[in-house]
Amino acid sequence: MDSAKSTRQLLEKIPGVSGLYKHHASGIYHLQLTSKQRKVRKSLKTTDRKTAERKLAVYKEHLAKTDPKKGSVSLASLVQSYLETLGAKSVSTCKNQKSLLTRLTDTWLQGRNHKVTSITGGDLDIWLSKQFGKVRPRTYNTYSGFLKSLFDHAVALKIIGNNPYHEARNKRRRNDRVRRVVPSLDQFKQIVSHMRSNKLNPHGTESSDFIEFLGTAAVGQAEAKNLLWQNVDFAKMRLNFYRQKTKRHFHVPIFKDDLLPLLQRRKAQLGREPNPTEFVFSMKDGKKGLTAATKALGFPSFSQRDLRAMRISDWVRKNAGVKLISKWQGHSDGGILILNTYSDIISDADDAAENEAISRIENS
């Protein structure tokens, strides 16, 4: 007789537990709920009551967080929705994430019309492995974090109740321990001098000034190229910056021994009072000149970022204090990022400072 009955007819209500039923013939537990004008009936795939009750509680929580009308939203639709949120981000971030979103929809194994509700942590593992399995850990983690943001957006839209990213097994990789090689102050002076005297480079003076500024003010290329004369405050002896990525204002002192002469020289070269909205540097990137100079001098291939690291290590050696240096970098973490990013350089600077202290004590 039971074989002629439907599954619904064979379900027996479990007293005291709302929505929990047991199949009379197989003993398998089911849930049967009404949520937001939608009837849901689903096998819990277990004959153990405690397990069934746990699964039922999880599913109830899921239903409370989701909109039943969005159960058929595709990956392509989610991507399109996420694209509309990028307007508040920087130009470079928008460009990178748009590229990743296009790559995701073009290479997703189940296709761009795959339902978001069906995507699992395992699916994300497979995609990350296929697309970025051979990149460096830092790059891999950047792309992985992008997936987290995308599916956080799906949770916010109530398409899914929980982010499948958190179920992925390979969402993060341990970063390689990279030993940063930075120029010494003497090497930096030689590089700037070589760039300035290079007659084969028609932009020698401009590029050498740009590189000298990076290594003296310890700022990035983005800050240097966007510096306006109105941001140069000779009265307070400080350079005022606004970092687009972090939306923070910060300043760097105009040091009398190096930054001040450089800025005064550039102002004098104009032969007039600079326009406040005029850029201090017409050069936007000194990479080519720096590469040529390091090669000609037989130095390692230092990057523009290495110049910042060089100056930070010099400040540490001169006991400026990590917290203050962090402030000059526009950070609000009290020096944590500085310590993490430049730990090896700071260690070397600390060793040098310790050796100098020992020498003074021994010779006193």
Protein backbone atom coordinates (compact mmCIF):
# COMPACT_ATOMS: atom_id res chain seq x y z
CA MET A 1 0.00 0.00 0.00
CA ASP A 2 2.82 2.41 0.90
CA SER A 3 4.35 2.08 -2.57
CA ALA A 4 1.26 3.67 -4.08
CA LYS A 5 1.50 6.72 -1.85
CA SER A 6 3.48 9.85 -2.65
CA THR A 7 6.46 11.00 -0.61
CA ARG A 8 4.32 13.74 0.96
CA GLN A 9 1.73 11.20 2.06
CA LEU A 10 4.42 9.03 3.68
CA LEU A 11 5.87 11.86 5.77
CA GLU A 12 5.04 11.73 9.47
CA LYS A 13 5.21 14.93 11.53
CA ILE A 14 7.74 14.88 14.38
CA PRO A 15 6.07 16.32 17.48
CA GLY A 16 7.71 19.32 19.11
CA VAL A 17 9.93 20.26 16.15
CA SER A 18 8.40 22.69 13.68
CA GLY A 19 8.93 21.65 10.08
CA LEU A 20 10.53 18.25 10.75
CA TYR A 21 9.08 15.10 9.19
CA LYS A 22 10.13 11.46 8.89
CA HIS A 23 9.57 9.19 5.90
CA HIS A 24 7.44 6.26 7.07
CA ALA A 25 9.13 3.72 4.80
CA SER A 26 12.81 4.80 4.56
CA GLY A 27 13.20 6.49 7.94
CA ILE A 28 14.86 9.50 6.27
CA TYR A 29 14.04 12.89 7.74
CA HIS A 30 12.61 15.71 5.63
CA LEU A 31 11.85 19.36 6.20
CA GLN A 32 8.57 20.90 5.17
CA LEU A 33 8.26 24.66 5.62
CA THR A 34 6.31 27.64 4.38
CA SER A 35 8.50 30.70 3.96
CA LYS A 36 7.39 34.00 2.44
CA GLN A 37 4.47 32.45 0.56
CA ARG A 38 6.69 29.64 -0.67
CA LYS A 39 6.34 25.98 0.32
CA VAL A 40 9.62 24.15 0.70
CA ARG A 41 9.94 20.37 1.00
CA LYS A 42 13.41 18.84 1.06
CA SER A 43 15.12 15.64 2.12
CA LEU A 44 17.65 16.09 4.93
CA LYS A 45 19.43 12.90 3.80
CA THR A 46 19.84 11.41 7.24
CA THR A 47 18.07 8.90 9.48
CA ASP A 48 19.60 10.40 12.63
CA ARG A 49 17.22 12.76 14.40
CA LYS A 50 19.87 14.99 16.00
CA THR A 51 21.60 15.46 12.66
CA ALA A 52 18.26 16.20 11.04
CA GLU A 53 17.44 18.84 13.65
CA ARG A 54 20.79 20.56 13.08
CA LYS A 55 20.30 20.60 9.31
CA LEU A 56 16.76 21.90 9.75
CA ALA A 57 18.01 24.79 11.93
CA VAL A 58 20.66 25.70 9.34
CA TYR A 59 18.12 25.67 6.53
CA LYS A 60 15.67 27.81 8.51
CA GLU A 61 18.42 30.34 9.06
CA HIS A 62 19.18 30.27 5.33
CA LEU A 63 15.54 30.89 4.42
CA ALA A 64 15.38 33.84 6.81
CA LYS A 65 18.36 35.48 5.08
CA THR A 66 17.31 34.96 1.46
CA ASP A 67 14.69 36.30 -0.92
CA PRO A 68 12.84 33.40 -2.61
CA LYS A 69 12.32 35.53 -5.71
CA LYS A 70 16.10 35.62 -6.28
CA GLY A 71 16.72 31.88 -6.27
CA SER A 72 17.32 31.79 -10.02
CA VAL A 73 19.84 34.66 -10.23
CA SER A 74 22.74 33.64 -12.47
CA LEU A 75 26.46 34.27 -12.02
CA ALA A 76 26.38 36.71 -14.96
CA SER A 77 23.57 38.71 -13.31
CA LEU A 78 25.46 38.81 -10.01
CA VAL A 79 28.57 40.06 -11.81
CA GLN A 80 26.56 42.78 -13.56
CA SER A 81 25.11 43.88 -10.23
CA TYR A 82 28.56 43.94 -8.62
CA LEU A 83 29.91 46.07 -11.49
CA GLU A 84 27.42 48.78 -10.52
CA THR A 85 29.05 49.05 -7.07
CA LEU A 86 32.53 49.86 -8.40
CA GLY A 87 31.91 53.55 -8.98
CA ALA A 88 33.11 54.53 -5.51
CA LYS A 89 36.46 52.78 -5.96
CA SER A 90 39.68 54.10 -7.52
CA VAL A 91 40.23 53.96 -11.27
CA SER A 92 42.91 51.26 -11.00
CA THR A 93 40.75 49.12 -8.68
CA CYS A 94 37.79 49.41 -11.07
CA LYS A 95 39.95 48.41 -14.01
CA ASN A 96 41.40 45.38 -12.21
CA GLN A 97 38.09 44.13 -10.86
CA LYS A 98 36.29 44.57 -14.20
CA SER A 99 39.02 42.46 -15.79
CA LEU A 100 38.58 39.77 -13.12
CA LEU A 101 34.79 39.80 -13.46
CA THR A 102 35.05 39.31 -17.21
CA ARG A 103 37.51 36.47 -16.70
CA LEU A 104 35.23 34.84 -14.14
CA THR A 105 32.16 34.75 -16.37
CA ASP A 106 34.18 33.72 -19.45
CA THR A 107 35.97 30.81 -17.74
CA TRP A 108 33.46 29.55 -15.15
CA LEU A 109 33.24 25.77 -15.62
CA GLN A 110 29.43 25.56 -15.38
CA GLY A 111 28.91 28.62 -17.58
CA ARG A 112 27.81 32.18 -16.98
CA ASN A 113 24.17 31.13 -16.41
CA HIS A 114 25.05 28.91 -13.42
CA LYS A 115 22.70 29.71 -10.51
CA VAL A 116 24.43 31.54 -7.67
CA THR A 117 22.52 29.44 -5.14
CA SER A 118 24.20 26.31 -6.55
CA ILE A 119 27.79 27.58 -6.28
CA THR A 120 29.84 25.86 -3.59
CA GLY A 121 33.18 26.43 -1.94
CA GLY A 122 34.52 23.53 -4.00
CA ASP A 123 33.54 25.34 -7.21
CA LEU A 124 35.55 28.37 -6.09
CA ASP A 125 38.54 26.15 -5.25
CA ILE A 126 38.48 24.65 -8.75
CA TRP A 127 38.23 28.03 -10.48
CA LEU A 128 41.02 29.59 -8.42
CA SER A 129 43.27 26.61 -9.03
CA LYS A 130 42.70 26.60 -12.80
CA GLN A 131 43.04 30.34 -13.27
CA PHE A 132 45.66 31.33 -10.70
CA GLY A 133 47.27 28.10 -9.53
CA LYS A 134 50.73 29.14 -10.70
CA VAL A 135 50.85 32.75 -9.55
CA ARG A 136 52.64 33.96 -6.43
CA PRO A 137 50.76 33.62 -3.11
CA ARG A 138 50.32 37.38 -2.71
CA THR A 139 48.69 37.64 -6.15
CA TYR A 140 46.61 34.52 -5.54
CA ASN A 141 45.29 35.95 -2.26
CA THR A 142 44.36 39.20 -3.99
CA TYR A 143 42.24 37.36 -6.56
CA SER A 144 40.80 35.13 -3.85
CA GLY A 145 39.76 38.19 -1.84
CA PHE A 146 37.97 39.47 -4.92
CA LEU A 147 35.77 36.34 -4.90
CA LYS A 148 34.94 36.93 -1.24
CA SER A 149 33.77 40.48 -2.04
CA LEU A 150 31.67 39.28 -4.98
CA PHE A 151 29.79 36.67 -2.94
CA ASP A 152 29.51 39.01 0.05
CA HIS A 153 27.54 41.16 -2.39
CA ALA A 154 25.31 38.16 -3.17
CA VAL A 155 24.65 37.74 0.57
CA ALA A 156 23.81 41.44 0.90
CA LEU A 157 21.29 41.10 -1.95
CA LYS A 158 19.73 38.07 -0.17
CA ILE A 159 20.45 35.81 -3.12
CA ILE A 160 22.27 33.41 -0.79
CA GLY A 161 22.30 33.08 2.97
CA ASN A 162 25.99 32.35 3.43
CA ASN A 163 29.10 33.10 1.41
CA PRO A 164 30.45 29.89 -0.22
CA TYR A 165 33.93 31.45 -0.10
CA HIS A 166 34.15 30.52 3.59
CA GLU A 167 33.69 26.84 2.67
CA ALA A 168 36.56 26.84 0.15
CA ARG A 169 39.61 24.87 1.27
CA ASN A 170 42.26 26.75 -0.71
CA LYS A 171 41.09 30.33 -0.40
CA ARG A 172 44.38 31.57 1.04
CA ARG A 173 48.05 30.78 0.54
CA ARG A 174 50.92 31.62 2.83
CA ASN A 175 52.95 34.47 1.37
CA ASP A 176 56.50 33.82 0.28
CA ARG A 177 59.12 35.30 2.53
CA VAL A 178 60.69 37.86 0.20
CA ARG A 179 63.97 39.47 1.16
CA ARG A 180 63.71 43.03 -0.03
CA VAL A 181 66.90 44.49 -1.51
CA VAL A 182 67.05 48.27 -1.27
CA PRO A 183 69.77 50.73 -2.22
CA SER A 184 72.03 52.28 0.35
CA LEU A 185 71.97 56.06 0.68
CA ASP A 186 75.28 56.23 -1.17
CA GLN A 187 73.92 54.11 -4.03
CA PHE A 188 70.84 56.32 -4.17
CA LYS A 189 73.00 59.44 -4.54
CA GLN A 190 74.99 57.77 -7.32
CA ILE A 191 71.77 56.81 -9.12
CA VAL A 192 70.39 60.36 -9.01
CA SER A 193 73.73 61.83 -10.06
CA HIS A 194 74.03 59.42 -13.00
CA MET A 195 70.48 60.19 -14.18
CA ARG A 196 71.11 63.93 -13.96
CA SER A 197 74.37 63.75 -15.93
CA ASN A 198 73.09 61.34 -18.61
CA LYS A 199 73.23 63.39 -21.79
CA LEU A 200 71.52 60.62 -23.78
CA ASN A 201 68.34 61.17 -21.80
CA PRO A 202 66.53 64.35 -22.91
CA HIS A 203 64.48 64.22 -19.70
CA GLY A 204 67.46 63.61 -17.44
CA THR A 205 66.84 66.52 -15.08
CA GLU A 206 63.13 65.89 -14.82
CA SER A 207 63.40 62.14 -14.23
CA SER A 208 66.30 62.54 -11.77
CA ASP A 209 64.28 65.08 -9.77
CA PHE A 210 61.30 62.73 -9.75
CA ILE A 211 63.40 59.77 -8.53
CA GLU A 212 65.18 61.96 -5.99
CA PHE A 213 61.81 63.07 -4.64
CA LEU A 214 60.55 59.47 -4.28
CA GLY A 215 63.63 58.45 -2.33
CA THR A 216 63.71 61.58 -0.18
CA ALA A 217 60.04 62.00 0.73
CA ALA A 218 59.39 58.22 0.92
CA VAL A 219 56.15 58.45 -1.02
CA GLY A 220 54.79 56.39 -3.89
CA GLN A 221 54.69 57.18 -7.56
CA ALA A 222 50.96 58.05 -7.38
CA GLU A 223 51.52 60.66 -4.67
CA ALA A 224 54.51 62.20 -6.46
CA LYS A 225 52.89 62.53 -9.87
CA ASN A 226 49.74 64.13 -8.41
CA LEU A 227 51.56 66.63 -6.18
CA LEU A 228 50.42 70.21 -6.85
CA TRP A 229 52.24 73.37 -5.81
CA GLN A 230 49.30 74.28 -3.57
CA ASN A 231 50.13 71.13 -1.57
CA VAL A 232 53.65 72.38 -0.88
CA ASP A 233 53.43 74.38 2.33
CA PHE A 234 56.75 76.22 2.78
CA ALA A 235 55.35 78.09 5.79
CA LYS A 236 54.65 74.93 7.80
CA MET A 237 57.43 73.01 6.04
CA ARG A 238 55.26 70.10 5.01
CA LEU A 239 53.89 68.38 1.91
CA ASN A 240 50.17 67.64 2.01
CA PHE A 241 48.88 64.51 0.29
CA TYR A 242 45.57 62.76 -0.24
CA ARG A 243 45.73 59.02 -0.85
CA GLN A 244 42.88 58.03 -3.17
CA LYS A 245 43.00 54.36 -2.20
CA THR A 246 42.52 54.92 1.54
CA LYS A 247 40.66 58.27 1.29
CA ARG A 248 43.05 59.78 3.85
CA HIS A 249 44.92 63.07 4.11
CA PHE A 250 48.47 62.94 5.42
CA HIS A 251 51.62 65.02 5.34
CA VAL A 252 55.37 64.55 5.03
CA PRO A 253 57.82 67.06 6.54
CA ILE A 254 59.93 69.12 4.16
CA PHE A 255 63.33 68.20 5.51
CA LYS A 256 65.78 71.11 5.29
CA ASP A 257 68.80 69.05 4.22
CA ASP A 258 67.32 67.33 1.16
CA LEU A 259 63.65 67.94 0.31
CA LEU A 260 63.77 71.72 0.73
CA PRO A 261 66.68 72.29 -1.71
CA LEU A 262 64.99 70.01 -4.27
CA LEU A 263 61.68 71.87 -4.11
CA GLN A 264 63.33 75.30 -4.10
CA ARG A 265 65.35 74.32 -7.15
CA ARG A 266 62.25 73.21 -9.04
CA LYS A 267 60.46 76.41 -8.10
CA ALA A 268 63.41 78.48 -9.30
CA GLN A 269 63.50 76.60 -12.62
CA LEU A 270 60.02 77.91 -13.41
CA GLY A 271 61.32 81.49 -13.34
CA ARG A 272 58.00 82.64 -11.92
CA GLU A 273 55.62 82.03 -9.06
CA PRO A 274 54.04 78.59 -9.65
CA ASN A 275 50.33 78.27 -10.30
CA PRO A 276 48.72 76.60 -7.22
CA THR A 277 47.01 73.97 -9.41
CA GLU A 278 50.18 73.28 -11.40
CA PHE A 279 51.90 69.91 -10.95
CA VAL A 280 55.28 69.99 -9.24
CA PHE A 281 56.52 67.28 -11.62
CA SER A 282 55.66 66.88 -15.29
CA MET A 283 57.16 63.39 -15.08
CA LYS A 284 54.63 60.70 -14.12
CA ASP A 285 56.91 57.67 -13.93
CA GLY A 286 60.68 57.47 -13.47
CA LYS A 287 60.96 53.72 -14.00
CA LYS A 288 62.87 53.82 -17.30
CA GLY A 289 65.49 56.28 -16.09
CA LEU A 290 65.92 54.37 -12.81
CA THR A 291 66.33 51.06 -14.60
CA ALA A 292 68.90 52.49 -17.01
CA ALA A 293 70.90 54.07 -14.18
CA THR A 294 71.00 50.94 -11.99
CA LYS A 295 72.08 48.86 -14.98
CA ALA A 296 74.81 51.31 -15.97
CA LEU A 297 76.12 51.46 -12.40
CA GLY A 298 76.04 47.68 -11.96
CA PHE A 299 73.51 47.86 -9.12
CA PRO A 300 70.61 45.48 -8.56
CA SER A 301 67.44 46.37 -10.45
CA PHE A 302 65.94 48.63 -7.79
CA SER A 303 62.30 49.64 -8.16
CA GLN A 304 60.66 52.94 -7.27
CA ARG A 305 59.10 51.20 -4.26
CA ASP A 306 62.56 50.21 -3.07
CA LEU A 307 63.41 53.91 -2.78
CA ARG A 308 60.58 54.36 -0.29
CA ALA A 309 61.84 51.34 1.68
CA MET A 310 65.33 52.82 1.68
CA ARG A 311 64.17 56.09 3.20
CA ILE A 312 61.93 54.37 5.77
CA SER A 313 64.87 52.25 6.94
CA ASP A 314 66.96 55.44 7.21
CA TRP A 315 64.28 57.07 9.38
CA VAL A 316 64.14 53.98 11.59
CA ARG A 317 67.91 54.03 11.94
CA LYS A 318 67.69 57.66 13.03
CA ASN A 319 65.11 56.72 15.68
CA ALA A 320 62.18 58.57 14.10
CA GLY A 321 59.83 55.95 15.58
CA VAL A 322 57.61 53.54 13.66
CA LYS A 323 54.42 55.25 14.80
CA LEU A 324 55.55 58.62 13.43
CA ILE A 325 56.83 57.08 10.20
CA SER A 326 53.46 55.36 9.81
CA LYS A 327 51.78 58.76 10.12
CA TRP A 328 54.04 60.14 7.37
CA GLN A 329 52.92 57.24 5.18
CA GLY A 330 49.23 58.02 5.65
CA HIS A 331 48.54 54.90 7.72
CA SER A 332 46.17 54.83 10.69
CA ASP A 333 47.31 51.57 12.28
CA GLY A 334 50.06 53.00 14.46
CA GLY A 335 52.84 51.27 12.52
CA ILE A 336 51.54 47.70 12.11
CA LEU A 337 51.67 47.79 8.30
CA ILE A 338 55.14 49.34 8.36
CA LEU A 339 56.37 46.58 10.69
CA ASN A 340 54.83 43.83 8.55
CA THR A 341 55.93 45.22 5.19
CA TYR A 342 59.45 46.31 6.10
CA SER A 343 60.23 43.89 8.94
CA ASP A 344 63.49 42.68 7.42
CA ILE A 345 64.69 46.22 6.67
CA ILE A 346 63.70 47.50 10.09
CA SER A 347 65.54 44.56 11.64
CA ASP A 348 68.68 45.53 9.75
CA ALA A 349 68.25 49.16 10.79
CA ASP A 350 67.76 48.13 14.41
CA ASP A 351 70.93 46.02 14.24
CA ALA A 352 72.88 48.96 12.83
CA ALA A 353 71.51 51.30 15.52
CA GLU A 354 72.40 48.75 18.20
CA ASN A 355 75.96 48.41 16.86
CA GLU A 356 76.34 52.20 16.84
CA ALA A 357 75.13 52.36 20.46
CA ILE A 358 77.55 49.60 21.50
CA SER A 359 80.38 51.45 19.77
CA ARG A 360 79.57 54.70 21.62
CA ILE A 361 79.44 52.89 24.95
CA GLU A 362 82.72 51.07 24.38
CA ASN A 363 84.48 54.25 23.28
CA SER A 364 83.12 56.52 26.00
